Amino acid sequence: MLGFVKKLAFFKNLKLRPKLFLIMAVVLVGFVSSLFMGAYIINQVRVGGGLYKEIKNHKNTLEAIALLKSDLNQVRGELATLISETDKDKMNQIQAKITELKKDIDSKFSDIIAMLNNEEKKIAIQDAQTTWTEFITTADNELLPAINSGKKTQANELATGIQKSRYERFIDQVSGIVDVLKLEIDEMEKNTDKIIRSKVIYAGAISGALFLIILGLTFIFANSISKRVRVLKDFANTLAAGDLSAAGSQGSTEKGDEITDLQKSLNDMATNIKGLITNTINSAFHVTISADKSAKNSNQIAQSAKEEASAVEETTSSMEEIAASISEVAKNTEELATNVDETSATVGEMAASIE
């Protein structure tokens, strides 16, 4: 389970293009697998396919065994003819024929053993071959020498005694193999539809599994894109409405695809705008404070100027009063001087009068 989660994380961290290529690769694998399974089923059921070859091989084996039995019957018949034959030329011809049949039978045994793909059947046919070896060895070493030496009675006893038993055992052994092969052929022919159906189901299961994998990857891919695009859309709408409180909530330090990069860029942009606005507000606040201080200083300067102007007016008024007082003092002084002159004149006149 943990490995599967890691694989999903790996898929999530891929860029969009590698994700698309990966999905395309899975689709291609599924398509090729479906084609392969279809071709495999067709190859199995067509003429020359696997099932056909297996049935045909069984039938060829039956045919080879039938020919083997025919050759053995012919050998036995030629031996029986040889026992009753008195013409030397014909006897020689029959023995030459028996020699050819021996070679043919040995070759057929080798071919049949090569055709069989089951060890039990091979052992059974090898047992029959052993019986045949015993049969032909007795014929070569005992029966034919008895015939050639004119011992017809001995040859006939061998032919109707031990050789007959070996022949019958050989027939029983071969017949058992033939019966098994016939049953298998019938079973294979009956089960051909079942085999085809099971292969079709197997191919369908593989195709279905691949389809589910493709569907799952596609769903994960589409959902990851649509979900994050909706988040980005809501985030952009929030920023467009002037709400910068979400700035910084969309950032991610994980690796991702192009949408993740866009998410980081939008988040960085919102964060920078928020920082810029904050700095602007702080600067405006400081400017306002400075303006207030400047206004207060201006008011103080104006008040001082007003007070200085009032003081100047008072000083001017005092100077005017002082000037008036000085003028009056000067006038009084002048009058006093006049009076003094008049007094002096009076005194002078009084002095003159006294004289």
Protein backbone atom coordinates (compact mmCIF):
# COMPACT_ATOMS: atom_id res chain seq x y z
CA MET A 1 0.00 0.00 0.00
CA LEU A 2 2.83 2.37 0.90
CA GLY A 3 4.55 1.61 -2.38
CA PHE A 4 1.35 2.38 -4.27
CA VAL A 5 1.03 5.72 -2.45
CA LYS A 6 4.64 6.54 -3.33
CA LYS A 7 3.91 5.75 -6.97
CA LEU A 8 0.90 8.08 -6.88
CA ALA A 9 3.10 10.79 -5.32
CA PHE A 10 5.60 10.23 -8.10
CA PHE A 11 2.81 10.63 -10.66
CA LYS A 12 1.58 13.77 -8.90
CA ASN A 13 5.03 15.37 -9.01
CA LEU A 14 5.42 14.87 -12.75
CA LYS A 15 5.01 17.74 -15.17
CA LEU A 16 1.89 17.85 -17.34
CA ARG A 17 3.63 16.63 -20.49
CA PRO A 18 5.23 13.56 -18.85
CA LYS A 19 1.84 12.78 -17.27
CA LEU A 20 0.17 12.89 -20.68
CA PHE A 21 2.94 10.75 -22.20
CA LEU A 22 2.58 8.25 -19.35
CA ILE A 23 -1.17 7.96 -19.88
CA MET A 24 -0.61 7.60 -23.62
CA ALA A 25 1.95 4.87 -22.95
CA VAL A 26 -0.51 2.99 -20.72
CA VAL A 27 -3.21 3.34 -23.38
CA LEU A 28 -0.77 2.06 -26.00
CA VAL A 29 0.19 -0.89 -23.80
CA GLY A 30 -3.48 -1.69 -23.27
CA PHE A 31 -4.19 -1.46 -26.99
CA VAL A 32 -1.21 -3.67 -27.88
CA SER A 33 -2.15 -6.15 -25.14
CA SER A 34 -5.71 -6.36 -26.46
CA LEU A 35 -4.38 -6.94 -29.98
CA PHE A 36 -1.97 -9.57 -28.68
CA MET A 37 -4.68 -11.40 -26.74
CA GLY A 38 -7.00 -11.29 -29.75
CA ALA A 39 -4.26 -12.61 -32.00
CA TYR A 40 -3.43 -15.29 -29.42
CA ILE A 41 -7.06 -16.49 -29.26
CA ILE A 42 -7.38 -16.49 -33.03
CA ASN A 43 -4.08 -18.36 -33.30
CA GLN A 44 -5.35 -20.96 -30.83
CA VAL A 45 -8.66 -21.68 -32.53
CA ARG A 46 -7.73 -21.21 -36.18
CA VAL A 47 -6.73 -24.05 -38.46
CA GLY A 48 -3.07 -24.59 -37.70
CA GLY A 49 -3.41 -23.02 -34.27
CA GLY A 50 -2.46 -24.49 -30.91
CA LEU A 51 -5.66 -26.48 -30.27
CA TYR A 52 -5.84 -27.60 -33.86
CA LYS A 53 -2.21 -28.77 -33.76
CA GLU A 54 -2.77 -30.65 -30.53
CA ILE A 55 -5.81 -32.49 -31.87
CA LYS A 56 -4.06 -33.09 -35.19
CA ASN A 57 -1.00 -34.44 -33.35
CA HIS A 58 -3.19 -36.91 -31.47
CA LYS A 59 -4.84 -38.01 -34.69
CA ASN A 60 -1.46 -38.35 -36.41
CA THR A 61 -0.28 -40.47 -33.49
CA LEU A 62 -3.36 -42.68 -33.83
CA GLU A 63 -2.68 -43.00 -37.54
CA ALA A 64 0.98 -43.89 -36.90
CA ILE A 65 -0.05 -46.50 -34.30
CA ALA A 66 -2.59 -47.93 -36.75
CA LEU A 67 0.15 -48.23 -39.38
CA LEU A 68 2.43 -49.77 -36.76
CA LYS A 69 -0.20 -52.39 -35.95
CA SER A 70 -0.66 -52.99 -39.67
CA ASP A 71 3.07 -53.53 -40.16
CA LEU A 72 3.22 -55.89 -37.19
CA ASN A 73 0.25 -57.84 -38.53
CA GLN A 74 2.00 -57.99 -41.87
CA VAL A 75 5.21 -59.27 -40.24
CA ARG A 76 3.22 -61.93 -38.40
CA GLY A 77 1.41 -62.84 -41.60
CA GLU A 78 4.67 -63.02 -43.56
CA LEU A 79 6.14 -65.29 -40.88
CA ALA A 80 3.10 -67.56 -41.06
CA THR A 81 3.41 -67.65 -44.87
CA LEU A 82 7.13 -68.33 -44.57
CA ILE A 83 6.48 -71.34 -42.33
CA SER A 84 4.24 -72.96 -44.93
CA GLU A 85 6.33 -71.92 -47.95
CA THR A 86 8.64 -74.44 -49.58
CA ASP A 87 9.94 -72.44 -52.54
CA LYS A 88 13.38 -71.04 -51.69
CA ASP A 89 13.07 -67.97 -53.92
CA LYS A 90 9.74 -67.00 -52.41
CA MET A 91 11.13 -67.66 -48.96
CA ASN A 92 14.01 -65.33 -49.67
CA GLN A 93 11.57 -62.68 -50.96
CA ILE A 94 9.43 -63.03 -47.83
CA GLN A 95 12.49 -62.69 -45.55
CA ALA A 96 13.60 -59.60 -47.45
CA LYS A 97 10.11 -58.16 -46.99
CA ILE A 98 10.23 -58.95 -43.27
CA THR A 99 13.60 -57.13 -43.02
CA GLU A 100 12.10 -54.01 -44.65
CA LEU A 101 9.08 -54.17 -42.34
CA LYS A 102 11.40 -54.43 -39.31
CA LYS A 103 13.17 -51.22 -40.30
CA ASP A 104 9.84 -49.53 -40.98
CA ILE A 105 8.44 -50.59 -37.60
CA ASP A 106 11.54 -49.36 -35.71
CA SER A 107 11.23 -46.00 -37.49
CA LYS A 108 7.53 -45.77 -36.62
CA PHE A 109 8.25 -46.42 -32.95
CA SER A 110 10.75 -43.52 -32.91
CA ASP A 111 8.25 -41.23 -34.66
CA ILE A 112 5.42 -42.12 -32.28
CA ILE A 113 7.57 -41.56 -29.19
CA ALA A 114 8.57 -38.14 -30.59
CA MET A 115 4.89 -37.27 -31.16
CA LEU A 116 3.84 -38.04 -27.60
CA ASN A 117 4.14 -35.19 -25.08
CA ASN A 118 3.07 -37.23 -22.07
CA GLU A 119 5.54 -39.39 -20.13
CA GLU A 120 2.94 -42.02 -19.28
CA LYS A 121 2.09 -42.50 -22.93
CA LYS A 122 5.77 -42.62 -23.83
CA ILE A 123 6.34 -45.33 -21.22
CA ALA A 124 3.36 -47.28 -22.55
CA ILE A 125 4.60 -47.13 -26.15
CA GLN A 126 8.12 -48.03 -24.97
CA ASP A 127 6.65 -51.12 -23.27
CA ALA A 128 5.05 -52.03 -26.58
CA GLN A 129 8.39 -51.46 -28.27
CA THR A 130 10.02 -53.83 -25.77
CA THR A 131 7.41 -56.45 -26.64
CA TRP A 132 8.13 -55.91 -30.31
CA THR A 133 11.87 -56.26 -29.69
CA GLU A 134 11.29 -59.56 -27.90
CA PHE A 135 9.02 -60.69 -30.73
CA ILE A 136 11.43 -59.88 -33.55
CA THR A 137 14.48 -61.12 -31.60
CA THR A 138 12.82 -64.53 -31.18
CA ALA A 139 11.89 -64.46 -34.84
CA ASP A 140 15.46 -63.69 -35.94
CA ASN A 141 17.22 -66.02 -33.53
CA GLU A 142 14.80 -68.97 -33.33
CA LEU A 143 11.89 -68.86 -35.74
CA LEU A 144 13.71 -68.03 -38.98
CA PRO A 145 16.60 -70.45 -38.32
CA ALA A 146 14.03 -73.21 -37.67
CA ILE A 147 12.24 -72.38 -40.90
CA ASN A 148 15.44 -72.24 -42.91
CA SER A 149 16.57 -75.58 -41.49
CA GLY A 150 13.25 -77.20 -42.35
CA LYS A 151 12.05 -77.52 -38.77
CA LYS A 152 8.52 -76.51 -39.61
CA THR A 153 6.97 -78.04 -36.50
CA GLN A 154 9.29 -76.15 -34.16
CA ALA A 155 8.71 -72.95 -36.12
CA ASN A 156 4.97 -73.45 -35.96
CA GLU A 157 5.10 -74.02 -32.19
CA LEU A 158 7.03 -70.81 -31.73
CA ALA A 159 4.62 -68.91 -33.95
CA THR A 160 1.51 -70.17 -32.18
CA GLY A 161 3.04 -70.17 -28.72
CA ILE A 162 5.31 -67.46 -27.32
CA GLN A 163 5.14 -65.29 -30.45
CA LYS A 164 1.36 -65.28 -30.42
CA SER A 165 1.38 -64.25 -26.73
CA ARG A 166 3.80 -61.43 -27.47
CA TYR A 167 1.72 -60.29 -30.41
CA GLU A 168 -1.45 -60.25 -28.32
CA ARG A 169 0.35 -58.36 -25.52
CA PHE A 170 1.63 -55.86 -28.06
CA ILE A 171 -1.89 -55.36 -29.44
CA ASP A 172 -3.27 -54.85 -25.93
CA GLN A 173 -0.55 -52.30 -25.11
CA VAL A 174 -1.06 -50.38 -28.31
CA SER A 175 -4.84 -50.56 -28.02
CA GLY A 176 -4.64 -49.04 -24.55
CA ILE A 177 -2.69 -46.08 -25.91
CA VAL A 178 -5.15 -45.77 -28.79
CA ASP A 179 -8.11 -45.72 -26.41
CA VAL A 180 -6.49 -42.99 -24.28
CA LEU A 181 -5.72 -40.88 -27.35
CA LYS A 182 -9.27 -41.27 -28.67
CA LEU A 183 -10.72 -40.20 -25.32
CA GLU A 184 -8.41 -37.18 -25.21
CA ILE A 185 -9.36 -36.21 -28.75
CA ASP A 186 -13.06 -36.45 -27.89
CA GLU A 187 -12.47 -34.45 -24.70
CA MET A 188 -10.49 -31.76 -26.52
CA GLU A 189 -13.12 -31.45 -29.22
CA LYS A 190 -15.87 -31.19 -26.61
CA ASN A 191 -13.93 -28.66 -24.56
CA THR A 192 -12.79 -26.52 -27.46
CA ASP A 193 -15.64 -24.04 -26.90
CA LYS A 194 -14.92 -24.02 -23.18
CA ILE A 195 -11.23 -23.36 -23.77
CA ILE A 196 -12.02 -20.58 -26.22
CA ARG A 197 -14.50 -19.08 -23.79
CA SER A 198 -12.00 -19.18 -20.93
CA LYS A 199 -9.33 -17.53 -23.08
CA VAL A 200 -11.78 -14.84 -24.14
CA ILE A 201 -12.69 -14.23 -20.49
CA TYR A 202 -9.01 -14.14 -19.57
CA ALA A 203 -8.29 -11.66 -22.35
CA GLY A 204 -11.32 -9.61 -21.30
CA ALA A 205 -10.12 -9.58 -17.69
CA ILE A 206 -6.69 -8.32 -18.74
CA SER A 207 -8.24 -5.69 -21.01
CA GLY A 208 -10.63 -4.69 -18.23
CA ALA A 209 -7.80 -4.37 -15.72
CA LEU A 210 -5.80 -2.24 -18.16
CA PHE A 211 -8.90 -0.14 -18.83
CA LEU A 212 -9.42 0.41 -15.09
CA ILE A 213 -5.77 1.39 -14.71
CA ILE A 214 -6.07 3.85 -17.60
CA LEU A 215 -9.36 5.15 -16.20
CA GLY A 216 -7.83 5.56 -12.74
CA LEU A 217 -4.78 7.42 -14.05
CA THR A 218 -6.97 9.61 -16.24
CA PHE A 219 -9.31 10.37 -13.31
CA ILE A 220 -6.39 11.20 -11.02
CA PHE A 221 -4.84 13.39 -13.72
CA ALA A 222 -8.10 15.19 -14.59
CA ASN A 223 -9.14 15.58 -10.95
CA SER A 224 -5.75 16.95 -9.92
CA ILE A 225 -5.91 19.53 -12.71
CA SER A 226 -9.57 20.55 -12.30
CA LYS A 227 -9.38 20.73 -8.51
CA ARG A 228 -6.29 22.91 -8.48
CA VAL A 229 -7.61 25.07 -11.32
CA ARG A 230 -10.80 25.69 -9.29
CA VAL A 231 -8.67 26.62 -6.28
CA LEU A 232 -6.62 29.00 -8.41
CA LYS A 233 -9.82 30.48 -9.87
CA ASP A 234 -11.26 31.12 -6.40
CA PHE A 235 -7.93 32.55 -5.28
CA ALA A 236 -7.79 34.87 -8.31
CA ASN A 237 -11.42 35.98 -7.74
CA THR A 238 -10.58 36.73 -4.10
CA LEU A 239 -7.61 38.84 -5.16
CA ALA A 240 -9.71 40.56 -7.84
CA ALA A 241 -12.27 41.49 -5.15
CA GLY A 242 -9.47 43.27 -3.25
CA ASP A 243 -9.17 40.67 -0.48
CA LEU A 244 -5.46 40.00 0.02
CA SER A 245 -5.92 38.06 3.26
CA ALA A 246 -5.43 34.77 1.34
CA ALA A 247 -1.96 35.81 0.18
CA GLY A 248 0.61 33.26 1.28
CA SER A 249 -1.92 30.40 1.60
CA GLN A 250 -1.25 28.95 -1.87
CA GLY A 251 2.49 28.49 -1.61
CA SER A 252 4.14 25.05 -1.68
CA THR A 253 7.75 23.97 -1.41
CA GLU A 254 7.02 20.59 -3.04
CA LYS A 255 7.92 19.86 -6.60
CA GLY A 256 5.01 19.71 -8.98
CA ASP A 257 3.76 20.38 -12.45
CA GLU A 258 3.07 23.61 -14.29
CA ILE A 259 -0.11 24.25 -12.30
CA THR A 260 1.91 24.08 -9.09
CA ASP A 261 4.37 26.55 -10.60
CA LEU A 262 1.47 28.84 -11.57
CA GLN A 263 0.07 28.48 -8.07
CA LYS A 264 3.39 29.55 -6.59
CA SER A 265 3.67 32.48 -8.99
CA LEU A 266 0.15 33.74 -8.18
CA ASN A 267 0.83 33.35 -4.49
CA ASP A 268 4.15 35.21 -4.77
CA MET A 269 2.42 37.95 -6.78
CA ALA A 270 -0.34 38.30 -4.14
CA THR A 271 2.23 38.33 -1.35
CA ASN A 272 4.29 41.00 -3.13
CA ILE A 273 1.18 43.13 -3.81
CA LYS A 274 0.14 42.78 -0.18
CA GLY A 275 3.63 43.77 0.93
CA LEU A 276 3.64 46.72 -1.47
CA ILE A 277 0.25 47.91 -0.21
CA THR A 278 1.38 47.48 3.39
CA ASN A 279 4.51 49.50 2.71
CA THR A 280 2.43 52.15 0.94
CA ILE A 281 0.02 52.36 3.89
CA ASN A 282 2.92 52.63 6.34
CA SER A 283 4.52 55.34 4.22
CA ALA A 284 1.21 57.24 4.01
CA PHE A 285 0.83 56.95 7.80
CA HIS A 286 4.29 58.36 8.35
CA VAL A 287 3.57 61.15 5.86
CA THR A 288 0.32 61.98 7.71
CA ILE A 289 2.16 62.11 11.01
CA SER A 290 4.81 64.36 9.47
CA ALA A 291 2.10 66.59 7.97
CA ASP A 292 0.38 66.86 11.35
CA LYS A 293 3.67 67.81 12.95
CA SER A 294 4.30 70.34 10.19
CA ALA A 295 0.80 71.77 10.62
CA LYS A 296 1.33 72.11 14.36
CA ASN A 297 4.69 73.77 13.81
CA SER A 298 3.08 76.14 11.27
CA ASN A 299 0.36 77.03 13.74
CA GLN A 300 2.96 77.67 16.41
CA ILE A 301 4.98 79.85 14.03
CA ALA A 302 1.82 81.75 13.01
CA GLN A 303 0.89 82.25 16.67
CA SER A 304 4.40 83.49 17.44
CA ALA A 305 4.27 85.82 14.48
CA LYS A 306 0.91 87.09 15.64
CA GLU A 307 2.21 87.62 19.12
CA GLU A 308 5.32 89.39 17.75
CA ALA A 309 3.09 91.57 15.55
CA SER A 310 0.98 92.46 18.58
CA ALA A 311 4.13 93.24 20.54
CA VAL A 312 5.37 95.38 17.68
CA GLU A 313 2.05 97.23 17.65
CA GLU A 314 2.29 97.78 21.39
CA THR A 315 5.88 98.92 21.01
CA THR A 316 4.88 101.26 18.21
CA SER A 317 2.04 102.67 20.34
CA SER A 318 4.39 103.14 23.29
CA MET A 319 6.93 104.84 21.07
CA GLU A 320 4.20 107.16 19.78
CA GLU A 321 3.18 108.00 23.33
CA ILE A 322 6.83 108.55 24.23
CA ALA A 323 7.25 110.79 21.19
CA ALA A 324 4.14 112.73 22.20
CA SER A 325 5.45 113.04 25.74
CA ILE A 326 8.80 114.23 24.43
CA SER A 327 7.05 116.76 22.23
CA GLU A 328 5.03 117.94 25.17
CA VAL A 329 8.13 118.11 27.35
CA ALA A 330 9.89 120.01 24.61
CA LYS A 331 6.95 122.37 24.36
CA ASN A 332 6.86 122.81 28.11
CA THR A 333 10.60 123.34 28.11
CA GLU A 334 10.22 125.92 25.43
CA GLU A 335 7.45 127.62 27.39
CA LEU A 336 9.58 127.38 30.50
CA ALA A 337 12.45 128.96 28.60
CA THR A 338 10.14 131.71 27.49
CA ASN A 339 8.94 132.20 31.03
CA VAL A 340 12.50 132.21 32.19
CA ASP A 341 13.31 134.87 29.64
CA GLU A 342 10.28 136.80 30.71
CA THR A 343 11.23 136.42 34.36
CA SER A 344 14.74 137.50 33.58
CA ALA A 345 13.42 140.51 31.77
CA THR A 346 11.14 141.28 34.68
CA VAL A 347 13.98 140.84 37.11
CA GLY A 348 16.09 143.07 34.91
CA GLU A 349 13.38 145.65 34.87
CA MET A 350 12.97 145.34 38.64
CA ALA A 351 16.66 145.74 39.09
CA ALA A 352 16.67 148.75 36.91
CA SER A 353 13.81 150.15 38.88
CA ILE A 354 15.62 149.59 42.10
CA GLU A 355 18.63 151.40 40.82
